[in-house]
PDB file of N, CA and C in Angstrom:
ATOM      1  N   MET A   1     -30.821  16.422 -49.664  1.00  0.00           N
ATOM      2  CA  MET A   1     -31.504  15.409 -48.719  1.00  0.00           C
ATOM      3  C   MET A   1     -33.023  15.859 -48.719  1.00  0.00           C
ATOM      4  N   ALA A   2     -33.711  14.796 -48.634  1.00  0.00           N
ATOM      5  CA  ALA A   2     -35.152  15.240 -48.580  1.00  0.00           C
ATOM      6  C   ALA A   2     -35.954  14.042 -47.946  1.00  0.00           C
ATOM      7  N   ILE A   3     -36.842  14.482 -47.128  1.00  0.00           N
ATOM      8  CA  ILE A   3     -37.922  13.529 -46.599  1.00  0.00           C
ATOM      9  C   ILE A   3     -39.161  13.568 -47.403  1.00  0.00           C
ATOM     10  N   ILE A   4     -39.482  12.458 -48.065  1.00  0.00           N
ATOM     11  CA  ILE A   4     -40.640  12.399 -48.921  1.00  0.00           C
ATOM     12  C   ILE A   4     -41.898  11.849 -47.756  1.00  0.00           C
ATOM     13  N   LEU A   5     -42.988  12.426 -48.023  1.00  0.00           N
ATOM     14  CA  LEU A   5     -44.169  12.010 -47.272  1.00  0.00           C
ATOM     15  C   LEU A   5     -45.113  11.008 -48.112  1.00  0.00           C
ATOM     16  N   ARG A   6     -45.285   9.837 -47.692  1.00  0.00           N
ATOM     17  CA  ARG A   6     -46.160   8.865 -48.478  1.00  0.00           C
ATOM     18  C   ARG A   6     -47.321   8.699 -47.969  1.00  0.00           C
ATOM     19  N   LEU A   7     -47.970   9.557 -47.218  1.00  0.00           N
ATOM     20  CA  LEU A   7     -49.188   9.430 -46.437  1.00  0.00           C
ATOM     21  C   LEU A   7     -50.369   9.111 -47.438  1.00  0.00           C
ATOM     22  N   ASP A   8     -50.473   9.772 -48.592  1.00  0.00           N
ATOM     23  CA  ASP A   8     -51.450   9.578 -49.495  1.00  0.00           C
ATOM     24  C   ASP A   8     -51.503   8.110 -49.968  1.00  0.00           C
ATOM     25  N   ARG A   9     -50.200   7.428 -50.194  1.00  0.00           N
ATOM     26  CA  ARG A   9     -50.110   6.246 -50.671  1.00  0.00           C
ATOM     27  C   ARG A   9     -50.735   5.137 -49.654  1.00  0.00           C
ATOM     28  N   VAL A  10     -50.314   5.421 -48.440  1.00  0.00           N
ATOM     29  CA  VAL A  10     -50.804   4.528 -47.199  1.00  0.00           C
ATOM     30  C   VAL A  10     -52.401   4.697 -47.052  1.00  0.00           C
ATOM     31  N   MET A  11     -52.879   5.917 -47.205  1.00  0.00           N
ATOM     32  CA  MET A  11     -54.281   6.118 -47.075  1.00  0.00           C
ATOM     33  C   MET A  11     -55.116   5.358 -48.200  1.00  0.00           C
ATOM     34  N   ALA A  12     -54.590   5.424 -49.564  1.00  0.00           N
ATOM     35  CA  ALA A  12     -55.054   4.700 -50.701  1.00  0.00           C
ATOM     36  C   ALA A  12     -55.131   3.215 -50.325  1.00  0.00           C
ATOM     37  N   ASP A  13     -53.971   2.746 -49.706  1.00  0.00           N
ATOM     38  CA  ASP A  13     -53.874   1.198 -49.520  1.00  0.00           C
ATOM     39  C   ASP A  13     -54.852   0.932 -48.548  1.00  0.00           C
ATOM     40  N   ARG A  14     -55.293   1.754 -47.453  1.00  0.00           N
ATOM     41  CA  ARG A  14     -56.132   1.437 -46.459  1.00  0.00           C
ATOM     42  C   ARG A  14     -57.594   1.842 -46.790  1.00  0.00           C
ATOM     43  N   LYS A  15     -57.678   2.452 -47.930  1.00  0.00           N
ATOM     44  CA  LYS A  15     -59.077   3.070 -48.358  1.00  0.00           C
ATOM     45  C   LYS A  15     -59.656   3.883 -47.309  1.00  0.00           C
ATOM     46  N   ILE A  16     -59.097   4.973 -46.851  1.00  0.00           N
ATOM     47  CA  ILE A  16     -59.679   5.784 -45.914  1.00  0.00           C
ATOM     48  C   ILE A  16     -59.440   7.310 -46.448  1.00  0.00           C
ATOM     49  N   SER A  17     -60.422   7.931 -46.235  1.00  0.00           N
ATOM     50  CA  SER A  17     -60.481   9.362 -46.798  1.00  0.00           C
ATOM     51  C   SER A  17     -59.856  10.246 -45.753  1.00  0.00           C
ATOM     52  N   LEU A  18     -59.485  11.489 -46.251  1.00  0.00           N
ATOM     53  CA  LEU A  18     -58.860  12.557 -45.517  1.00  0.00           C
ATOM     54  C   LEU A  18     -59.713  12.858 -44.325  1.00  0.00           C
ATOM     55  N   LYS A  19     -61.015  13.127 -44.687  1.00  0.00           N
ATOM     56  CA  LYS A  19     -62.011  13.463 -43.649  1.00  0.00           C
ATOM     57  C   LYS A  19     -62.154  12.399 -42.371  1.00  0.00           C
ATOM     58  N   GLU A  20     -62.157  11.118 -42.884  1.00  0.00           N
ATOM     59  CA  GLU A  20     -62.172  10.114 -41.857  1.00  0.00           C
ATOM     60  C   GLU A  20     -60.925  10.043 -41.021  1.00  0.00           C
ATOM     61  N   LEU A  21     -59.815  10.180 -41.621  1.00  0.00           N
ATOM     62  CA  LEU A  21     -58.545  10.157 -40.975  1.00  0.00           C
ATOM     63  C   LEU A  21     -58.418  11.254 -40.009  1.00  0.00           C
ATOM     64  N   SER A  22     -58.851  12.466 -40.553  1.00  0.00           N
ATOM     65  CA  SER A  22     -58.660  13.669 -39.672  1.00  0.00           C
ATOM     66  C   SER A  22     -59.610  13.455 -38.359  1.00  0.00           C
ATOM     67  N   GLU A  23     -60.685  12.943 -38.495  1.00  0.00           N
ATOM     68  CA  GLU A  23     -61.713  12.786 -37.456  1.00  0.00           C
ATOM     69  C   GLU A  23     -61.163  11.720 -36.400  1.00  0.00           C
ATOM     70  N   ARG A  24     -60.542  10.610 -36.825  1.00  0.00           N
ATOM     71  CA  ARG A  24     -60.040   9.615 -36.174  1.00  0.00           C
ATOM     72  C   ARG A  24     -58.763   9.973 -35.344  1.00  0.00           C
ATOM     73  N   VAL A  25     -57.946  10.724 -36.085  1.00  0.00           N
ATOM     74  CA  VAL A  25     -56.682  11.126 -35.511  1.00  0.00           C
ATOM     75  C   VAL A  25     -56.782  12.307 -34.536  1.00  0.00           C
ATOM     76  N   GLY A  26     -57.890  13.125 -34.743  1.00  0.00           N
ATOM     77  CA  GLY A  26     -58.196  14.239 -34.044  1.00  0.00           C
ATOM     78  C   GLY A  26     -57.352  15.621 -34.371  1.00  0.00           C
ATOM     79  N   ILE A  27     -57.091  15.669 -35.697  1.00  0.00           N
ATOM     80  CA  ILE A  27     -56.481  16.948 -36.012  1.00  0.00           C
ATOM     81  C   ILE A  27     -57.348  17.506 -37.207  1.00  0.00           C
ATOM     82  N   ALA A  28     -57.131  18.880 -37.442  1.00  0.00           N
ATOM     83  CA  ALA A  28     -57.925  19.534 -38.354  1.00  0.00           C
ATOM     84  C   ALA A  28     -57.584  18.925 -39.794  1.00  0.00           C
ATOM     85  N   ASN A  29     -58.677  18.966 -40.561  1.00  0.00           N
ATOM     86  CA  ASN A  29     -58.759  18.487 -42.042  1.00  0.00           C
ATOM     87  C   ASN A  29     -57.422  19.220 -42.684  1.00  0.00           C
ATOM     88  N   VAL A  30     -57.610  20.489 -42.578  1.00  0.00           N
ATOM     89  CA  VAL A  30     -56.471  21.335 -43.421  1.00  0.00           C
ATOM     90  C   VAL A  30     -54.881  20.860 -42.864  1.00  0.00           C
ATOM     91  N   ASN A  31     -54.756  20.630 -41.668  1.00  0.00           N
ATOM     92  CA  ASN A  31     -53.384  20.462 -41.170  1.00  0.00           C
ATOM     93  C   ASN A  31     -53.139  18.889 -41.782  1.00  0.00           C
ATOM     94  N   LEU A  32     -54.067  18.002 -41.672  1.00  0.00           N
ATOM     95  CA  LEU A  32     -53.829  16.575 -42.356  1.00  0.00           C
ATOM     96  C   LEU A  32     -53.507  16.743 -43.855  1.00  0.00           C
ATOM     97  N   SER A  33     -54.300  17.650 -44.431  1.00  0.00           N
ATOM     98  CA  SER A  33     -54.064  17.790 -45.939  1.00  0.00           C
ATOM     99  C   SER A  33     -52.730  18.323 -46.227  1.00  0.00           C
ATOM    100  N   LYS A  34     -52.153  19.132 -45.372  1.00  0.00           N
ATOM    101  CA  LYS A  34     -50.727  19.636 -45.589  1.00  0.00           C
ATOM    102  C   LYS A  34     -49.819  18.694 -45.276  1.00  0.00           C
ATOM    103  N   ILE A  35     -49.887  17.677 -44.371  1.00  0.00           N
ATOM    104  CA  ILE A  35     -49.066  16.589 -44.235  1.00  0.00           C
ATOM    105  C   ILE A  35     -49.211  15.704 -45.495  1.00  0.00           C
ATOM    106  N   LYS A  36     -50.352  15.269 -45.940  1.00  0.00           N
ATOM    107  CA  LYS A  36     -50.672  14.451 -47.017  1.00  0.00           C
ATOM    108  C   LYS A  36     -49.821  15.119 -48.262  1.00  0.00           C
ATOM    109  N   THR A  37     -49.894  16.274 -48.416  1.00  0.00           N
ATOM    110  CA  THR A  37     -49.213  16.852 -49.673  1.00  0.00           C
ATOM    111  C   THR A  37     -47.809  17.205 -49.492  1.00  0.00           C
ATOM    112  N   GLY A  38     -47.313  16.965 -48.346  1.00  0.00           N
ATOM    113  CA  GLY A  38     -45.870  17.262 -48.144  1.00  0.00           C
ATOM    114  C   GLY A  38     -45.681  18.779 -47.826  1.00  0.00           C
ATOM    115  N   LYS A  39     -46.626  19.707 -47.753  1.00  0.00           N
ATOM    116  CA  LYS A  39     -46.258  21.196 -47.458  1.00  0.00           C
ATOM    117  C   LYS A  39     -46.060  21.429 -46.086  1.00  0.00           C
ATOM    118  N   ILE A  40     -45.368  20.587 -45.452  1.00  0.00           N
ATOM    119  CA  ILE A  40     -45.106  20.895 -43.938  1.00  0.00           C
ATOM    120  C   ILE A  40     -43.446  20.738 -43.832  1.00  0.00           C
ATOM    121  N   SER A  41     -43.012  21.403 -42.706  1.00  0.00           N
ATOM    122  CA  SER A  41     -41.463  21.255 -42.545  1.00  0.00           C
ATOM    123  C   SER A  41     -41.156  20.408 -41.275  1.00  0.00           C
ATOM    124  N   ALA A  42     -42.295  20.216 -40.412  1.00  0.00           N
ATOM    125  CA  ALA A  42     -42.116  19.349 -39.214  1.00  0.00           C
ATOM    126  C   ALA A  42     -43.358  18.698 -38.886  1.00  0.00           C
ATOM    127  N   ILE A  43     -43.324  17.679 -38.076  1.00  0.00           N
ATOM    128  CA  ILE A  43     -44.510  16.943 -37.752  1.00  0.00           C
ATOM    129  C   ILE A  43     -44.279  16.534 -36.176  1.00  0.00           C
ATOM    130  N   ARG A  44     -45.274  16.607 -35.372  1.00  0.00           N
ATOM    131  CA  ARG A  44     -45.037  16.214 -33.896  1.00  0.00           C
ATOM    132  C   ARG A  44     -45.013  14.835 -33.909  1.00  0.00           C
ATOM    133  N   PHE A  45     -44.402  13.981 -32.972  1.00  0.00           N
ATOM    134  CA  PHE A  45     -44.306  12.725 -32.802  1.00  0.00           C
ATOM    135  C   PHE A  45     -45.755  12.223 -32.362  1.00  0.00           C
ATOM    136  N   SER A  46     -46.352  12.986 -31.664  1.00  0.00           N
ATOM    137  CA  SER A  46     -47.757  12.489 -31.113  1.00  0.00           C
ATOM    138  C   SER A  46     -48.835  12.439 -32.412  1.00  0.00           C
ATOM    139  N   THR A  47     -48.562  13.427 -33.246  1.00  0.00           N
ATOM    140  CA  THR A  47     -49.501  13.344 -34.525  1.00  0.00           C
ATOM    141  C   THR A  47     -49.158  12.069 -35.351  1.00  0.00           C
ATOM    142  N   LEU A  48     -47.793  11.860 -35.565  1.00  0.00           N
ATOM    143  CA  LEU A  48     -47.313  10.847 -36.316  1.00  0.00           C
ATOM    144  C   LEU A  48     -47.720   9.447 -35.713  1.00  0.00           C
ATOM    145  N   GLU A  49     -47.690   9.394 -34.257  1.00  0.00           N
ATOM    146  CA  GLU A  49     -48.042   8.146 -33.633  1.00  0.00           C
ATOM    147  C   GLU A  49     -49.658   7.912 -33.681  1.00  0.00           C
ATOM    148  N   ALA A  50     -50.433   8.946 -33.804  1.00  0.00           N
ATOM    149  CA  ALA A  50     -51.821   8.886 -33.927  1.00  0.00           C
ATOM    150  C   ALA A  50     -52.064   8.430 -35.298  1.00  0.00           C
ATOM    151  N   ILE A  51     -51.393   8.980 -36.297  1.00  0.00           N
ATOM    152  CA  ILE A  51     -51.667   8.577 -37.712  1.00  0.00           C
ATOM    153  C   ILE A  51     -51.236   7.076 -37.870  1.00  0.00           C
ATOM    154  N   CYS A  52     -50.182   6.635 -37.441  1.00  0.00           N
ATOM    155  CA  CYS A  52     -49.900   5.344 -37.395  1.00  0.00           C
ATOM    156  C   CYS A  52     -50.628   4.231 -36.758  1.00  0.00           C
ATOM    157  N   ASP A  53     -51.101   4.654 -35.733  1.00  0.00           N
ATOM    158  CA  ASP A  53     -52.150   3.943 -34.936  1.00  0.00           C
ATOM    159  C   ASP A  53     -53.586   3.769 -35.864  1.00  0.00           C
ATOM    160  N   VAL A  54     -53.902   4.749 -36.220  1.00  0.00           N
ATOM    161  CA  VAL A  54     -55.192   4.643 -37.131  1.00  0.00           C
ATOM    162  C   VAL A  54     -55.056   3.972 -38.348  1.00  0.00           C
ATOM    163  N   LEU A  55     -53.880   4.042 -39.206  1.00  0.00           N
ATOM    164  CA  LEU A  55     -53.753   3.383 -40.245  1.00  0.00           C
ATOM    165  C   LEU A  55     -53.012   1.988 -40.214  1.00  0.00           C
ATOM    166  N   ASP A  56     -52.749   1.627 -38.850  1.00  0.00           N
ATOM    167  CA  ASP A  56     -51.986   0.365 -38.580  1.00  0.00           C
ATOM    168  C   ASP A  56     -50.738   0.231 -39.341  1.00  0.00           C
ATOM    169  N   CYS A  57     -49.848   1.175 -39.503  1.00  0.00           N
ATOM    170  CA  CYS A  57     -48.693   1.323 -40.041  1.00  0.00           C
ATOM    171  C   CYS A  57     -47.418   1.646 -39.214  1.00  0.00           C
ATOM    172  N   GLN A  58     -46.206   1.640 -39.799  1.00  0.00           N
ATOM    173  CA  GLN A  58     -45.075   2.254 -39.208  1.00  0.00           C
ATOM    174  C   GLN A  58     -44.631   3.508 -39.761  1.00  0.00           C
ATOM    175  N   PRO A  59     -43.972   4.299 -38.857  1.00  0.00           N
ATOM    176  CA  PRO A  59     -43.579   5.697 -39.469  1.00  0.00           C
ATOM    177  C   PRO A  59     -42.838   5.452 -40.827  1.00  0.00           C
ATOM    178  N   GLY A  60     -41.992   4.536 -41.001  1.00  0.00           N
ATOM    179  CA  GLY A  60     -41.329   4.228 -42.241  1.00  0.00           C
ATOM    180  C   GLY A  60     -42.234   3.921 -43.438  1.00  0.00           C
ATOM    181  N   ASP A  61     -43.488   3.714 -43.124  1.00  0.00           N
ATOM    182  CA  ASP A  61     -44.342   3.482 -44.308  1.00  0.00           C
ATOM    183  C   ASP A  61     -44.878   4.921 -44.852  1.00  0.00           C
ATOM    184  N   ILE A  62     -44.718   5.854 -43.858  1.00  0.00           N
ATOM    185  CA  ILE A  62     -45.398   7.225 -44.271  1.00  0.00           C
ATOM    186  C   ILE A  62     -44.209   8.159 -44.729  1.00  0.00           C
ATOM    187  N   LEU A  63     -42.964   7.945 -44.040  1.00  0.00           N
ATOM    188  CA  LEU A  63     -41.643   8.855 -44.340  1.00  0.00           C
ATOM    189  C   LEU A  63     -40.728   8.280 -45.156  1.00  0.00           C
ATOM    190  N   GLU A  64     -40.149   8.708 -46.068  1.00  0.00           N
ATOM    191  CA  GLU A  64     -39.007   8.142 -46.872  1.00  0.00           C
ATOM    192  C   GLU A  64     -38.015   9.124 -47.160  1.00  0.00           C
ATOM    193  N   PHE A  65     -36.697   8.771 -46.778  1.00  0.00           N
ATOM    194  CA  PHE A  65     -35.661   9.493 -46.985  1.00  0.00           C
ATOM    195  C   PHE A  65     -35.015   9.295 -48.388  1.00  0.00           C
ATOM    196  N   GLN A  66     -34.697  10.403 -49.089  1.00  0.00           N
ATOM    197  CA  GLN A  66     -34.315  10.458 -50.452  1.00  0.00           C
ATOM    198  C   GLN A  66     -32.927  11.175 -50.437  1.00  0.00           C
ATOM    199  N   ARG A  67     -31.760  10.680 -50.875  1.00  0.00           N
ATOM    200  CA  ARG A  67     -30.593  11.259 -50.742  1.00  0.00           C
ATOM    201  C   ARG A  67     -30.466  12.263 -52.019  1.00  0.00           C
ATOM    202  N   ASP A  68     -29.821  13.434 -51.745  1.00  0.00           N
ATOM    203  CA  ASP A  68     -29.420  14.306 -52.909  1.00  0.00           C
ATOM    204  C   ASP A  68     -28.630  13.604 -53.894  1.00  0.00           C
ATOM    205  N   SER A  69     -28.944  13.980 -55.238  1.00  0.00           N
ATOM    206  CA  SER A  69     -28.282  13.144 -56.393  1.00  0.00           C
ATOM    207  C   SER A  69     -26.901  13.630 -56.393  1.00  0.00           C
ATOM    208  N   GLU A  70     -26.617  14.927 -55.978  1.00  0.00           N
ATOM    209  CA  GLU A  70     -25.257  15.468 -55.859  1.00  0.00           C
ATOM    210  C   GLU A  70     -24.273  14.764 -55.122  1.00  0.00           C
ATOM    211  N   LYS A  71     -24.723  14.424 -53.938  1.00  0.00           N
ATOM    212  CA  LYS A  71     -23.867  13.560 -52.923  1.00  0.00           C
ATOM    213  C   LYS A  71     -23.688  12.279 -53.378  1.00  0.00           C
ATOM    214  N   GLN A  72     -24.441  11.559 -54.126  1.00  0.00           N
ATOM    215  CA  GLN A  72     -24.193  10.346 -54.719  1.00  0.00           C
ATOM    216  C   GLN A  72     -23.171   9.925 -55.532  1.00  0.00           C
ATOM    217  N   ASP A  73     -22.796  11.078 -56.419  1.00  0.00           N
ATOM    218  CA  ASP A  73     -21.754  11.072 -57.389  1.00  0.00           C
ATOM    219  C   ASP A  73     -20.414  11.084 -56.772  1.00  0.00           C
TER     220      ASP A  73
END
């Protein structure tokens, strides 16, 4: 089971840079970069809320559930 982060896709659709998003969300550029690349194991709801507010999207636009292939068989 895996949660896939699609922040990069949403940012591209909205034509917003990492720097601009980090400034508008109010979190460090390096932390937002980790979220964008999926190198995190958790995200605060307050951070997710701020990102969704700035990008005018839903959490489901950023987070995707992908079932393990072993369990599908």
